[in-house]
Protein backbone atom coordinates (compact mmCIF):
# COMPACT_ATOMS: atom_id res chain seq x y z
CA MET A 1 -5.47 25.62 119.29
CA ILE A 2 -6.72 23.19 116.68
CA ARG A 3 -3.08 22.83 115.40
CA ILE A 4 -2.09 21.44 118.77
CA LEU A 5 -5.26 19.45 119.56
CA LEU A 6 -5.40 17.45 116.28
CA PRO A 7 -1.97 15.84 116.48
CA VAL A 8 -2.53 15.05 120.18
CA LEU A 9 -5.85 13.34 119.41
CA GLY A 10 -4.18 11.40 116.55
CA VAL A 11 -1.38 10.15 118.83
CA ALA A 12 -3.81 9.28 121.55
CA LEU A 13 -5.99 7.34 119.11
CA ALA A 14 -2.94 5.49 117.71
CA LEU A 15 -1.67 4.67 121.20
CA GLY A 16 -5.12 3.40 122.14
CA VAL A 17 -5.39 1.13 119.15
CA TRP A 18 -1.84 -0.18 119.78
CA ILE A 19 -2.54 -0.97 123.43
CA TYR A 20 -5.82 -2.64 122.56
CA ALA A 21 -4.29 -4.78 119.81
CA LEU A 22 -1.31 -5.78 121.96
CA SER A 23 -3.48 -6.80 124.93
CA ASP A 24 -5.80 -8.72 122.48
CA VAL A 25 -2.88 -10.57 120.94
CA VAL A 26 -1.59 -11.52 124.38
CA ARG A 27 -4.99 -12.72 125.59
CA THR A 28 -5.77 -14.71 122.40
CA ASP A 29 -5.36 -18.49 122.52
CA GLU A 30 -2.44 -19.74 120.47
CA ALA A 31 -4.67 -21.98 118.38
CA ALA A 32 -7.05 -19.12 117.65
CA ALA A 33 -4.58 -16.71 116.07
CA ARG A 34 -4.95 -16.58 112.25
CA ARG A 35 -2.34 -16.51 109.52
CA LEU A 36 0.77 -16.40 111.74
CA PRO A 37 1.84 -17.89 115.09
CA LYS A 38 0.91 -15.84 118.15
CA ALA A 39 4.54 -15.09 119.06
CA LEU A 40 5.11 -13.60 115.64
CA TRP A 41 1.91 -11.46 116.01
CA VAL A 42 3.23 -10.07 119.31
CA THR A 43 6.56 -9.32 117.73
CA ILE A 44 4.91 -7.53 114.76
CA VAL A 45 2.65 -5.44 116.98
CA LEU A 46 5.58 -4.52 119.18
CA ILE A 47 8.04 -3.65 116.38
CA VAL A 48 5.64 -1.89 113.97
CA PRO A 49 3.08 -0.36 116.41
CA VAL A 50 0.36 1.19 114.32
CA LEU A 51 0.59 -0.98 111.13
CA GLY A 52 1.05 -4.18 113.27
CA ALA A 53 -1.95 -3.30 115.31
CA VAL A 54 -4.13 -2.69 112.33
CA ALA A 55 -2.87 -5.87 110.66
CA TRP A 56 -3.66 -7.86 113.77
CA LEU A 57 -7.23 -6.42 113.98
CA LEU A 58 -7.93 -7.06 110.30
CA VAL A 59 -6.08 -10.22 109.50
CA GLY A 60 -4.82 -12.07 112.66
CA ARG A 61 -7.61 -11.72 115.13
CA PRO A 62 -9.88 -14.69 115.53
CA LEU A 63 -13.24 -14.46 113.89
CA PRO A 64 -16.24 -14.09 116.25
CA GLY A 65 -17.72 -17.51 117.08
CA ALA A 66 -14.81 -19.42 115.48
CA PRO A 67 -13.99 -22.76 117.13
CA VAL A 68 -10.76 -22.85 119.15
CA GLY A 69 -8.43 -25.78 119.65
CA GLY A 70 -10.04 -28.18 117.15
CA ALA A 71 -13.44 -28.11 118.71
CA THR A 72 -16.27 -27.74 116.28
CA ARG A 73 -19.83 -26.62 116.87
CA TYR A 74 -21.26 -29.79 115.39
CA GLY A 75 -19.69 -32.62 117.16
CA GLY A 76 -15.94 -32.09 116.92
CA SER A 77 -13.25 -33.30 119.25
CA GLY A 78 -13.54 -30.40 121.70
CA PHE A 79 -13.14 -30.42 125.41
CA VAL A 80 -15.99 -31.94 127.43
CA PRO A 81 -16.27 -30.74 131.01
CA PRO A 82 -16.14 -33.58 133.58
CA GLU A 83 -19.63 -32.95 134.82
CA ASP A 84 -21.01 -33.45 131.27
CA ARG A 85 -19.43 -36.88 130.92
CA PRO A 86 -21.62 -39.94 131.45
CA ASP A 87 -19.22 -41.46 133.99
CA TRP A 88 -19.35 -38.36 136.30
CA PRO A 89 -20.15 -39.42 139.83
CA GLY A 90 -23.73 -38.60 140.85
CA ARG A 91 -24.91 -38.30 137.23
CA SER A 92 -27.99 -40.35 136.67
CA SER A 93 -28.63 -42.50 133.74
CA ARG A 94 -31.89 -40.73 133.07
CA SER A 95 -31.85 -38.13 130.23
CA ASP A 96 -34.24 -35.73 131.97
CA GLY A 97 -31.64 -34.80 134.63
CA GLN A 98 -33.44 -36.34 137.54
């Protein structure tokens, strides 16, 4: 029984990692992918499933909390939502929000 169960669990684990990595690559922003362009990461994960998935998770995946698209945490050139702009209609000139 263990001779059958162990390979099945290994294949299921490999398939799960591959599906997770592929969906993660597809959902990742183009600017956030590390080392290689996103299209190349998708190709690698598709052509070399297990090794490509592990490579994506270790090397290509964006670091947690990393800025995306040139925005920086400390005053970079990131996107500013319209309602946070000073010229937004209805926004008062007072800094306390009233």
